[in-house]
Structures are given as structure tokens and as C-alpha cells.
PDB file of N, CA and C in Angstrom:
ATOM      1  N   MET A   1     -27.906  12.517  14.648  1.00  0.00           N
ATOM      2  CA  MET A   1     -27.506  11.149  14.403  1.00  0.00           C
ATOM      3  C   MET A   1     -28.192  10.239  15.428  1.00  0.00           C
ATOM      4  N   VAL A   2     -28.644   9.118  14.965  1.00  0.00           N
ATOM      5  CA  VAL A   2     -29.330   8.166  15.816  1.00  0.00           C
ATOM      6  C   VAL A   2     -28.304   7.382  16.625  1.00  0.00           C
ATOM      7  N   ALA A   3     -28.619   7.158  17.880  1.00  0.00           N
ATOM      8  CA  ALA A   3     -27.709   6.396  18.740  1.00  0.00           C
ATOM      9  C   ALA A   3     -27.744   4.923  18.345  1.00  0.00           C
ATOM     10  N   ASP A   4     -26.599   4.286  18.418  1.00  0.00           N
ATOM     11  CA  ASP A   4     -26.497   2.866  18.073  1.00  0.00           C
ATOM     12  C   ASP A   4     -26.723   2.017  19.308  1.00  0.00           C
ATOM     13  N   SER A   5     -27.485   0.946  19.134  1.00  0.00           N
ATOM     14  CA  SER A   5     -27.690   0.023  20.240  1.00  0.00           C
ATOM     15  C   SER A   5     -26.481  -0.904  20.402  1.00  0.00           C
ATOM     16  N   ASP A   6     -25.707  -1.066  19.345  1.00  0.00           N
ATOM     17  CA  ASP A   6     -24.509  -1.900  19.381  1.00  0.00           C
ATOM     18  C   ASP A   6     -23.312  -1.009  19.729  1.00  0.00           C
ATOM     19  N   SER A   7     -22.704  -1.236  20.886  1.00  0.00           N
ATOM     20  CA  SER A   7     -21.600  -0.379  21.330  1.00  0.00           C
ATOM     21  C   SER A   7     -20.381  -0.495  20.417  1.00  0.00           C
ATOM     22  N   ARG A   8     -20.196  -1.653  19.790  1.00  0.00           N
ATOM     23  CA  ARG A   8     -19.069  -1.836  18.879  1.00  0.00           C
ATOM     24  C   ARG A   8     -19.205  -0.912  17.665  1.00  0.00           C
ATOM     25  N   VAL A   9     -20.396  -0.803  17.138  1.00  0.00           N
ATOM     26  CA  VAL A   9     -20.641   0.055  15.985  1.00  0.00           C
ATOM     27  C   VAL A   9     -20.509   1.517  16.393  1.00  0.00           C
ATOM     28  N   ALA A  10     -20.997   1.864  17.563  1.00  0.00           N
ATOM     29  CA  ALA A  10     -20.871   3.242  18.061  1.00  0.00           C
ATOM     30  C   ALA A  10     -19.393   3.606  18.221  1.00  0.00           C
ATOM     31  N   TRP A  11     -18.601   2.673  18.724  1.00  0.00           N
ATOM     32  CA  TRP A  11     -17.163   2.908  18.875  1.00  0.00           C
ATOM     33  C   TRP A  11     -16.513   3.147  17.509  1.00  0.00           C
ATOM     34  N   HIS A  12     -16.893   2.328  16.512  1.00  0.00           N
ATOM     35  CA  HIS A  12     -16.320   2.482  15.171  1.00  0.00           C
ATOM     36  C   HIS A  12     -16.750   3.801  14.536  1.00  0.00           C
ATOM     37  N   ARG A  13     -17.974   4.248  14.805  1.00  0.00           N
ATOM     38  CA  ARG A  13     -18.406   5.549  14.287  1.00  0.00           C
ATOM     39  C   ARG A  13     -17.549   6.672  14.884  1.00  0.00           C
ATOM     40  N   ALA A  14     -17.269   6.589  16.186  1.00  0.00           N
ATOM     41  CA  ALA A  14     -16.425   7.597  16.838  1.00  0.00           C
ATOM     42  C   ALA A  14     -14.999   7.541  16.299  1.00  0.00           C
ATOM     43  N   GLN A  15     -14.474   6.337  16.114  1.00  0.00           N
ATOM     44  CA  GLN A  15     -13.118   6.188  15.579  1.00  0.00           C
ATOM     45  C   GLN A  15     -13.039   6.696  14.146  1.00  0.00           C
ATOM     46  N   LEU A  16     -14.087   6.451  13.382  1.00  0.00           N
ATOM     47  CA  LEU A  16     -14.121   6.917  12.006  1.00  0.00           C
ATOM     48  C   LEU A  16     -14.044   8.440  11.954  1.00  0.00           C
ATOM     49  N   LYS A  17     -14.811   9.085  12.800  1.00  0.00           N
ATOM     50  CA  LYS A  17     -14.796  10.546  12.857  1.00  0.00           C
ATOM     51  C   LYS A  17     -13.411  11.055  13.276  1.00  0.00           C
ATOM     52  N   LYS A  18     -12.826  10.428  14.291  1.00  0.00           N
ATOM     53  CA  LYS A  18     -11.514  10.839  14.795  1.00  0.00           C
ATOM     54  C   LYS A  18     -10.420  10.619  13.751  1.00  0.00           C
ATOM     55  N   ASN A  19     -10.436   9.467  13.098  1.00  0.00           N
ATOM     56  CA  ASN A  19      -9.400   9.146  12.114  1.00  0.00           C
ATOM     57  C   ASN A  19      -9.515  10.012  10.866  1.00  0.00           C
ATOM     58  N   ARG A  20     -10.737  10.313  10.456  1.00  0.00           N
ATOM     59  CA  ARG A  20     -10.904  11.214   9.308  1.00  0.00           C
ATOM     60  C   ARG A  20     -10.385  12.609   9.630  1.00  0.00           C
ATOM     61  N   ALA A  21     -10.630  13.074  10.852  1.00  0.00           N
ATOM     62  CA  ALA A  21     -10.134  14.392  11.253  1.00  0.00           C
ATOM     63  C   ALA A  21      -8.607  14.403  11.290  1.00  0.00           C
ATOM     64  N   ALA A  22      -8.006  13.330  11.790  1.00  0.00           N
ATOM     65  CA  ALA A  22      -6.545  13.250  11.848  1.00  0.00           C
ATOM     66  C   ALA A  22      -5.946  13.217  10.445  1.00  0.00           C
ATOM     67  N   LEU A  23      -6.564  12.460   9.548  1.00  0.00           N
ATOM     68  CA  LEU A  23      -6.081  12.382   8.167  1.00  0.00           C
ATOM     69  C   LEU A  23      -6.216  13.745   7.486  1.00  0.00           C
ATOM     70  N   LYS A  24      -7.314  14.426   7.715  1.00  0.00           N
ATOM     71  CA  LYS A  24      -7.508  15.754   7.140  1.00  0.00           C
ATOM     72  C   LYS A  24      -6.449  16.722   7.658  1.00  0.00           C
ATOM     73  N   GLN A  25      -6.126  16.628   8.949  1.00  0.00           N
ATOM     74  CA  GLN A  25      -5.116  17.494   9.543  1.00  0.00           C
ATOM     75  C   GLN A  25      -3.748  17.242   8.914  1.00  0.00           C
ATOM     76  N   ILE A  26      -3.397  15.997   8.705  1.00  0.00           N
ATOM     77  CA  ILE A  26      -2.106  15.660   8.084  1.00  0.00           C
ATOM     78  C   ILE A  26      -2.052  16.188   6.657  1.00  0.00           C
ATOM     79  N   GLU A  27      -3.126  15.969   5.898  1.00  0.00           N
ATOM     80  CA  GLU A  27      -3.152  16.430   4.513  1.00  0.00           C
ATOM     81  C   GLU A  27      -3.118  17.955   4.438  1.00  0.00           C
ATOM     82  N   THR A  28      -3.838  18.616   5.330  1.00  0.00           N
ATOM     83  CA  THR A  28      -3.842  20.077   5.346  1.00  0.00           C
ATOM     84  C   THR A  28      -2.457  20.607   5.691  1.00  0.00           C
ATOM     85  N   ALA A  29      -1.814  20.008   6.670  1.00  0.00           N
ATOM     86  CA  ALA A  29      -0.474  20.445   7.062  1.00  0.00           C
ATOM     87  C   ALA A  29       0.525  20.222   5.929  1.00  0.00           C
ATOM     88  N   ARG A  30       0.346  19.146   5.194  1.00  0.00           N
ATOM     89  CA  ARG A  30       1.257  18.851   4.087  1.00  0.00           C
ATOM     90  C   ARG A  30       1.193  19.947   3.026  1.00  0.00           C
ATOM     91  N   PHE A  31      -0.003  20.446   2.734  1.00  0.00           N
ATOM     92  CA  PHE A  31      -0.142  21.459   1.691  1.00  0.00           C
ATOM     93  C   PHE A  31       0.056  22.874   2.218  1.00  0.00           C
ATOM     94  N   THR A  32      -0.201  23.089   3.505  1.00  0.00           N
ATOM     95  CA  THR A  32      -0.029  24.420   4.077  1.00  0.00           C
ATOM     96  C   THR A  32       1.429  24.705   4.389  1.00  0.00           C
ATOM     97  N   VAL A  33       2.073  23.785   5.094  1.00  0.00           N
ATOM     98  CA  VAL A  33       3.453  23.969   5.535  1.00  0.00           C
ATOM     99  C   VAL A  33       4.433  23.433   4.508  1.00  0.00           C
ATOM    100  N   GLY A  34       4.074  22.355   3.848  1.00  0.00           N
ATOM    101  CA  GLY A  34       4.980  21.711   2.900  1.00  0.00           C
ATOM    102  C   GLY A  34       5.591  20.483   3.541  1.00  0.00           C
ATOM    103  N   GLU A  35       6.159  19.639   2.718  1.00  0.00           N
ATOM    104  CA  GLU A  35       6.767  18.417   3.233  1.00  0.00           C
ATOM    105  C   GLU A  35       8.189  18.680   3.689  1.00  0.00           C
ATOM    106  N   SER A  36       8.594  17.951   4.685  1.00  0.00           N
ATOM    107  CA  SER A  36       9.941  18.056   5.217  1.00  0.00           C
ATOM    108  C   SER A  36      10.932  17.417   4.246  1.00  0.00           C
ATOM    109  N   ALA A  37      12.135  17.868   4.302  1.00  0.00           N
ATOM    110  CA  ALA A  37      13.188  17.283   3.460  1.00  0.00           C
ATOM    111  C   ALA A  37      13.773  16.030   4.104  1.00  0.00           C
ATOM    112  N   ASP A  38      13.439  15.821   5.363  1.00  0.00           N
ATOM    113  CA  ASP A  38      13.942  14.667   6.105  1.00  0.00           C
ATOM    114  C   ASP A  38      13.239  13.394   5.623  1.00  0.00           C
ATOM    115  N   ALA A  39      14.012  12.419   5.186  1.00  0.00           N
ATOM    116  CA  ALA A  39      13.451  11.175   4.664  1.00  0.00           C
ATOM    117  C   ALA A  39      12.698  10.399   5.739  1.00  0.00           C
ATOM    118  N   LYS A  40      13.198  10.447   6.961  1.00  0.00           N
ATOM    119  CA  LYS A  40      12.522   9.740   8.053  1.00  0.00           C
ATOM    120  C   LYS A  40      11.159  10.364   8.348  1.00  0.00           C
ATOM    121  N   ALA A  41      11.088  11.677   8.304  1.00  0.00           N
ATOM    122  CA  ALA A  41       9.818  12.360   8.553  1.00  0.00           C
ATOM    123  C   ALA A  41       8.808  12.054   7.451  1.00  0.00           C
ATOM    124  N   ILE A  42       9.295  12.001   6.222  1.00  0.00           N
ATOM    125  CA  ILE A  42       8.415  11.674   5.095  1.00  0.00           C
ATOM    126  C   ILE A  42       7.876  10.263   5.240  1.00  0.00           C
ATOM    127  N   GLU A  43       8.744   9.328   5.575  1.00  0.00           N
ATOM    128  CA  GLU A  43       8.324   7.930   5.748  1.00  0.00           C
ATOM    129  C   GLU A  43       7.353   7.786   6.914  1.00  0.00           C
ATOM    130  N   ARG A  44       7.611   8.503   8.005  1.00  0.00           N
ATOM    131  CA  ARG A  44       6.727   8.449   9.169  1.00  0.00           C
ATOM    132  C   ARG A  44       5.334   8.984   8.809  1.00  0.00           C
ATOM    133  N   THR A  45       5.293  10.065   8.039  1.00  0.00           N
ATOM    134  CA  THR A  45       4.011  10.635   7.610  1.00  0.00           C
ATOM    135  C   THR A  45       3.275   9.672   6.692  1.00  0.00           C
ATOM    136  N   ARG A  46       3.982   9.057   5.769  1.00  0.00           N
ATOM    137  CA  ARG A  46       3.356   8.081   4.868  1.00  0.00           C
ATOM    138  C   ARG A  46       2.801   6.894   5.645  1.00  0.00           C
ATOM    139  N   ARG A  47       3.555   6.442   6.636  1.00  0.00           N
ATOM    140  CA  ARG A  47       3.104   5.326   7.454  1.00  0.00           C
ATOM    141  C   ARG A  47       1.840   5.707   8.237  1.00  0.00           C
ATOM    142  N   GLN A  48       1.835   6.921   8.799  1.00  0.00           N
ATOM    143  CA  GLN A  48       0.652   7.389   9.535  1.00  0.00           C
ATOM    144  C   GLN A  48      -0.565   7.464   8.619  1.00  0.00           C
ATOM    145  N   VAL A  49      -0.373   7.997   7.420  1.00  0.00           N
ATOM    146  CA  VAL A  49      -1.484   8.119   6.473  1.00  0.00           C
ATOM    147  C   VAL A  49      -2.017   6.745   6.090  1.00  0.00           C
ATOM    148  N   SER A  50      -1.130   5.808   5.809  1.00  0.00           N
ATOM    149  CA  SER A  50      -1.587   4.464   5.416  1.00  0.00           C
ATOM    150  C   SER A  50      -2.283   3.756   6.570  1.00  0.00           C
ATOM    151  N   GLU A  51      -1.796   3.930   7.804  1.00  0.00           N
ATOM    152  CA  GLU A  51      -2.458   3.331   8.964  1.00  0.00           C
ATOM    153  C   GLU A  51      -3.848   3.936   9.177  1.00  0.00           C
ATOM    154  N   LEU A  52      -3.960   5.251   9.027  1.00  0.00           N
ATOM    155  CA  LEU A  52      -5.255   5.900   9.187  1.00  0.00           C
ATOM    156  C   LEU A  52      -6.230   5.458   8.108  1.00  0.00           C
ATOM    157  N   GLN A  53      -5.750   5.344   6.871  1.00  0.00           N
ATOM    158  CA  GLN A  53      -6.621   4.889   5.791  1.00  0.00           C
ATOM    159  C   GLN A  53      -7.086   3.462   6.016  1.00  0.00           C
ATOM    160  N   LEU A  54      -6.224   2.614   6.537  1.00  0.00           N
ATOM    161  CA  LEU A  54      -6.600   1.241   6.844  1.00  0.00           C
ATOM    162  C   LEU A  54      -7.653   1.196   7.951  1.00  0.00           C
ATOM    163  N   LYS A  55      -7.455   1.986   9.003  1.00  0.00           N
ATOM    164  CA  LYS A  55      -8.427   2.036  10.097  1.00  0.00           C
ATOM    165  C   LYS A  55      -9.772   2.579   9.619  1.00  0.00           C
ATOM    166  N   ILE A  56      -9.735   3.600   8.764  1.00  0.00           N
ATOM    167  CA  ILE A  56     -10.967   4.174   8.227  1.00  0.00           C
ATOM    168  C   ILE A  56     -11.712   3.143   7.389  1.00  0.00           C
ATOM    169  N   ARG A  57     -10.991   2.429   6.537  1.00  0.00           N
ATOM    170  CA  ARG A  57     -11.605   1.404   5.696  1.00  0.00           C
ATOM    171  C   ARG A  57     -12.236   0.301   6.554  1.00  0.00           C
ATOM    172  N   GLU A  58     -11.535  -0.120   7.598  1.00  0.00           N
ATOM    173  CA  GLU A  58     -12.053  -1.171   8.474  1.00  0.00           C
ATOM    174  C   GLU A  58     -13.335  -0.712   9.180  1.00  0.00           C
ATOM    175  N   SER A  59     -13.327   0.510   9.709  1.00  0.00           N
ATOM    176  CA  SER A  59     -14.506   1.025  10.391  1.00  0.00           C
ATOM    177  C   SER A  59     -15.672   1.191   9.427  1.00  0.00           C
ATOM    178  N   GLU A  60     -15.401   1.659   8.216  1.00  0.00           N
ATOM    179  CA  GLU A  60     -16.462   1.814   7.224  1.00  0.00           C
ATOM    180  C   GLU A  60     -17.088   0.475   6.871  1.00  0.00           C
ATOM    181  N   GLN A  61     -16.268  -0.565   6.777  1.00  0.00           N
ATOM    182  CA  GLN A  61     -16.793  -1.890   6.456  1.00  0.00           C
ATOM    183  C   GLN A  61     -17.680  -2.412   7.582  1.00  0.00           C
ATOM    184  N   ILE A  62     -17.263  -2.253   8.810  1.00  0.00           N
ATOM    185  CA  ILE A  62     -18.046  -2.736   9.944  1.00  0.00           C
ATOM    186  C   ILE A  62     -19.363  -1.969  10.054  1.00  0.00           C
ATOM    187  N   ILE A  63     -19.302  -0.658   9.891  1.00  0.00           N
ATOM    188  CA  ILE A  63     -20.516   0.161   9.959  1.00  0.00           C
ATOM    189  C   ILE A  63     -21.446  -0.176   8.797  1.00  0.00           C
ATOM    190  N   GLY A  64     -20.887  -0.334   7.601  1.00  0.00           N
ATOM    191  CA  GLY A  64     -21.693  -0.682   6.438  1.00  0.00           C
ATOM    192  C   GLY A  64     -22.376  -2.020   6.582  1.00  0.00           C
ATOM    193  N   GLN A  65     -21.663  -2.988   7.112  1.00  0.00           N
ATOM    194  CA  GLN A  65     -22.239  -4.312   7.334  1.00  0.00           C
ATOM    195  C   GLN A  65     -23.372  -4.230   8.349  1.00  0.00           C
ATOM    196  N   HIS A  66     -23.173  -3.470   9.404  1.00  0.00           N
ATOM    197  CA  HIS A  66     -24.216  -3.299  10.423  1.00  0.00           C
ATOM    198  C   HIS A  66     -25.446  -2.619   9.826  1.00  0.00           C
ATOM    199  N   ASP A  67     -25.219  -1.566   9.037  1.00  0.00           N
ATOM    200  CA  ASP A  67     -26.336  -0.838   8.441  1.00  0.00           C
ATOM    201  C   ASP A  67     -27.130  -1.708   7.474  1.00  0.00           C
ATOM    202  N   LYS A  68     -26.451  -2.573   6.735  1.00  0.00           N
ATOM    203  CA  LYS A  68     -27.153  -3.478   5.819  1.00  0.00           C
ATOM    204  C   LYS A  68     -28.056  -4.444   6.581  1.00  0.00           C
ATOM    205  N   GLN A  69     -27.613  -4.885   7.743  1.00  0.00           N
ATOM    206  CA  GLN A  69     -28.381  -5.854   8.508  1.00  0.00           C
ATOM    207  C   GLN A  69     -29.538  -5.222   9.266  1.00  0.00           C
ATOM    208  N   VAL A  70     -29.376  -3.985   9.712  1.00  0.00           N
ATOM    209  CA  VAL A  70     -30.341  -3.401  10.629  1.00  0.00           C
ATOM    210  C   VAL A  70     -31.312  -2.437   9.965  1.00  0.00           C
ATOM    211  N   ARG A  71     -30.815  -1.586   9.111  1.00  0.00           N
ATOM    212  CA  ARG A  71     -31.654  -0.520   8.568  1.00  0.00           C
ATOM    213  C   ARG A  71     -32.615  -1.029   7.513  1.00  0.00           C
ATOM    214  N   ARG A  72     -33.791  -0.463   7.543  1.00  0.00           N
ATOM    215  CA  ARG A  72     -34.785  -0.791   6.529  1.00  0.00           C
ATOM    216  C   ARG A  72     -34.639   0.189   5.365  1.00  0.00           C
ATOM    217  N   PRO A  73     -35.185  -0.123   4.221  1.00  0.00           N
ATOM    218  CA  PRO A  73     -35.095   0.782   3.085  1.00  0.00           C
ATOM    219  C   PRO A  73     -35.816   2.101   3.377  1.00  0.00           C
ATOM    220  N   LEU A  74     -35.243   3.201   2.916  1.00  0.00           N
ATOM    221  CA  LEU A  74     -35.836   4.504   3.169  1.00  0.00           C
ATOM    222  C   LEU A  74     -36.853   4.887   2.099  1.00  0.00           C
ATOM    223  N   ALA A  75     -36.731   4.349   0.907  1.00  0.00           N
ATOM    224  CA  ALA A  75     -37.657   4.669  -0.165  1.00  0.00           C
ATOM    225  C   ALA A  75     -38.979   3.955   0.068  1.00  0.00           C
ATOM    226  N   THR A  76     -40.050   4.589  -0.316  1.00  0.00           N
ATOM    227  CA  THR A  76     -41.363   3.998  -0.079  1.00  0.00           C
ATOM    228  C   THR A  76     -42.143   3.745  -1.353  1.00  0.00           C
ATOM    229  N   ASP A  77     -41.531   3.929  -2.514  1.00  0.00           N
ATOM    230  CA  ASP A  77     -42.261   3.638  -3.735  1.00  0.00           C
ATOM    231  C   ASP A  77     -42.255   2.137  -3.996  1.00  0.00           C
ATOM    232  N   LEU A  78     -43.233   1.674  -4.733  1.00  0.00           N
ATOM    233  CA  LEU A  78     -43.424   0.242  -4.936  1.00  0.00           C
ATOM    234  C   LEU A  78     -42.241  -0.401  -5.647  1.00  0.00           C
ATOM    235  N   ARG A  79     -41.640   0.287  -6.604  1.00  0.00           N
ATOM    236  CA  ARG A  79     -40.528  -0.294  -7.363  1.00  0.00           C
ATOM    237  C   ARG A  79     -39.327  -0.568  -6.461  1.00  0.00           C
ATOM    238  N   SER A  80     -38.941   0.405  -5.629  1.00  0.00           N
ATOM    239  CA  SER A  80     -37.771   0.197  -4.775  1.00  0.00           C
ATOM    240  C   SER A  80     -38.065  -0.821  -3.677  1.00  0.00           C
ATOM    241  N   LEU A  81     -39.297  -0.851  -3.176  1.00  0.00           N
ATOM    242  CA  LEU A  81     -39.632  -1.827  -2.142  1.00  0.00           C
ATOM    243  C   LEU A  81     -39.715  -3.239  -2.698  1.00  0.00           C
ATOM    244  N   SER A  82     -40.062  -3.387  -3.958  1.00  0.00           N
ATOM    245  CA  SER A  82     -40.161  -4.723  -4.547  1.00  0.00           C
ATOM    246  C   SER A  82     -38.780  -5.316  -4.806  1.00  0.00           C
ATOM    247  N   ASN A  83     -37.741  -4.498  -4.850  1.00  0.00           N
ATOM    248  CA  ASN A  83     -36.384  -4.984  -5.099  1.00  0.00           C
ATOM    249  C   ASN A  83     -35.641  -5.361  -3.821  1.00  0.00           C
ATOM    250  N   VAL A  84     -36.278  -5.230  -2.682  1.00  0.00           N
ATOM    251  CA  VAL A  84     -35.627  -5.507  -1.408  1.00  0.00           C
ATOM    252  C   VAL A  84     -35.846  -6.961  -1.027  1.00  0.00           C
ATOM    253  N   ALA A  85     -34.795  -7.608  -0.557  1.00  0.00           N
ATOM    254  CA  ALA A  85     -34.908  -8.976  -0.060  1.00  0.00           C
ATOM    255  C   ALA A  85     -35.342  -8.906   1.397  1.00  0.00           C
ATOM    256  N   TRP A  86     -36.623  -8.949   1.635  1.00  0.00           N
ATOM    257  CA  TRP A  86     -37.161  -8.760   2.985  1.00  0.00           C
ATOM    258  C   TRP A  86     -36.821  -9.924   3.909  1.00  0.00           C
ATOM    259  N   ARG A  87     -36.499 -11.071   3.378  1.00  0.00           N
ATOM    260  CA  ARG A  87     -36.158 -12.202   4.255  1.00  0.00           C
ATOM    261  C   ARG A  87     -34.858 -11.949   5.023  1.00  0.00           C
ATOM    262  N   ASN A  88     -34.015 -11.033   4.523  1.00  0.00           N
ATOM    263  CA  ASN A  88     -32.752 -10.735   5.184  1.00  0.00           C
ATOM    264  C   ASN A  88     -32.869  -9.625   6.212  1.00  0.00           C
ATOM    265  N   TRP A  89     -34.037  -8.986   6.280  1.00  0.00           N
ATOM    266  CA  TRP A  89     -34.199  -7.843   7.174  1.00  0.00           C
ATOM    267  C   TRP A  89     -35.091  -8.228   8.345  1.00  0.00           C
ATOM    268  N   THR A  90     -34.654  -7.874   9.549  1.00  0.00           N
ATOM    269  CA  THR A  90     -35.478  -8.096  10.727  1.00  0.00           C
ATOM    270  C   THR A  90     -35.658  -6.767  11.439  1.00  0.00           C
ATOM    271  N   GLY A  91     -36.822  -6.539  11.968  1.00  0.00           N
ATOM    272  CA  GLY A  91     -37.095  -5.279  12.653  1.00  0.00           C
ATOM    273  C   GLY A  91     -36.403  -5.162  13.977  1.00  0.00           C
ATOM    274  N   ASN A  92     -35.960  -6.260  14.536  1.00  0.00           N
ATOM    275  CA  ASN A  92     -35.324  -6.246  15.850  1.00  0.00           C
ATOM    276  C   ASN A  92     -33.823  -6.117  15.791  1.00  0.00           C
ATOM    277  N   GLY A  93     -33.240  -6.141  14.608  1.00  0.00           N
ATOM    278  CA  GLY A  93     -31.791  -6.051  14.494  1.00  0.00           C
ATOM    279  C   GLY A  93     -31.131  -7.405  14.619  1.00  0.00           C
ATOM    280  N   PRO A  94     -29.798  -7.424  14.594  1.00  0.00           N
ATOM    281  CA  PRO A  94     -29.090  -8.713  14.676  1.00  0.00           C
ATOM    282  C   PRO A  94     -29.256  -9.349  16.052  1.00  0.00           C
ATOM    283  N   ARG A  95     -29.294 -10.648  16.050  1.00  0.00           N
ATOM    284  CA  ARG A  95     -29.458 -11.381  17.318  1.00  0.00           C
ATOM    285  C   ARG A  95     -28.227 -12.149  17.659  1.00  0.00           C
TER     286      ARG A  95
END
């Protein structure tokens, strides 16, 4: 993975990885162990899952926005390059 020059984006990439792992752990535990009969425990788990999904969505949006601004197109054929709005892309990244 390429290192990010923007520390905010690097932080969101790390948080995204951490939050996805936590969500996977909760989902795995739910199917491996089963859900508790305690209503409070069920609500707490649902709240944790929704908070993690919200954080994941937020980080994905920030990373996606950064990638749109900074990364150049990877395809090199004439058709895909002709469809790119080059006026929106700068080689130096956001200023």
C-alpha cells in the first residue's frame, strides 16, 4: 500500500481497517456463539454495529473523495483516457 501524504487520510485508512475488523468480530461472534437473550445486550450490540457502520461509511467517503482528487486514471487506452476530465486532476495533489 502506498503511503499517504495527507495524515488525515492515513488516519481514516487505519480507522477503516480497525472498524471493519471490529465489525467482523461482532458478526462472527453473533453466528458462532449466538445472540444473548438479554434485551440490553442485544440493544448494545445493535448500537455498536450501527456506530461502526457509520464510522466505516464516513471513512470510506473521505478516502474516496481524496482518491478522486489525487489519483490519476490507471487505464492507458485512448477511450478511457478521453473520458477523463483532466482539468479536475492535478499532479501535485490538493492544495
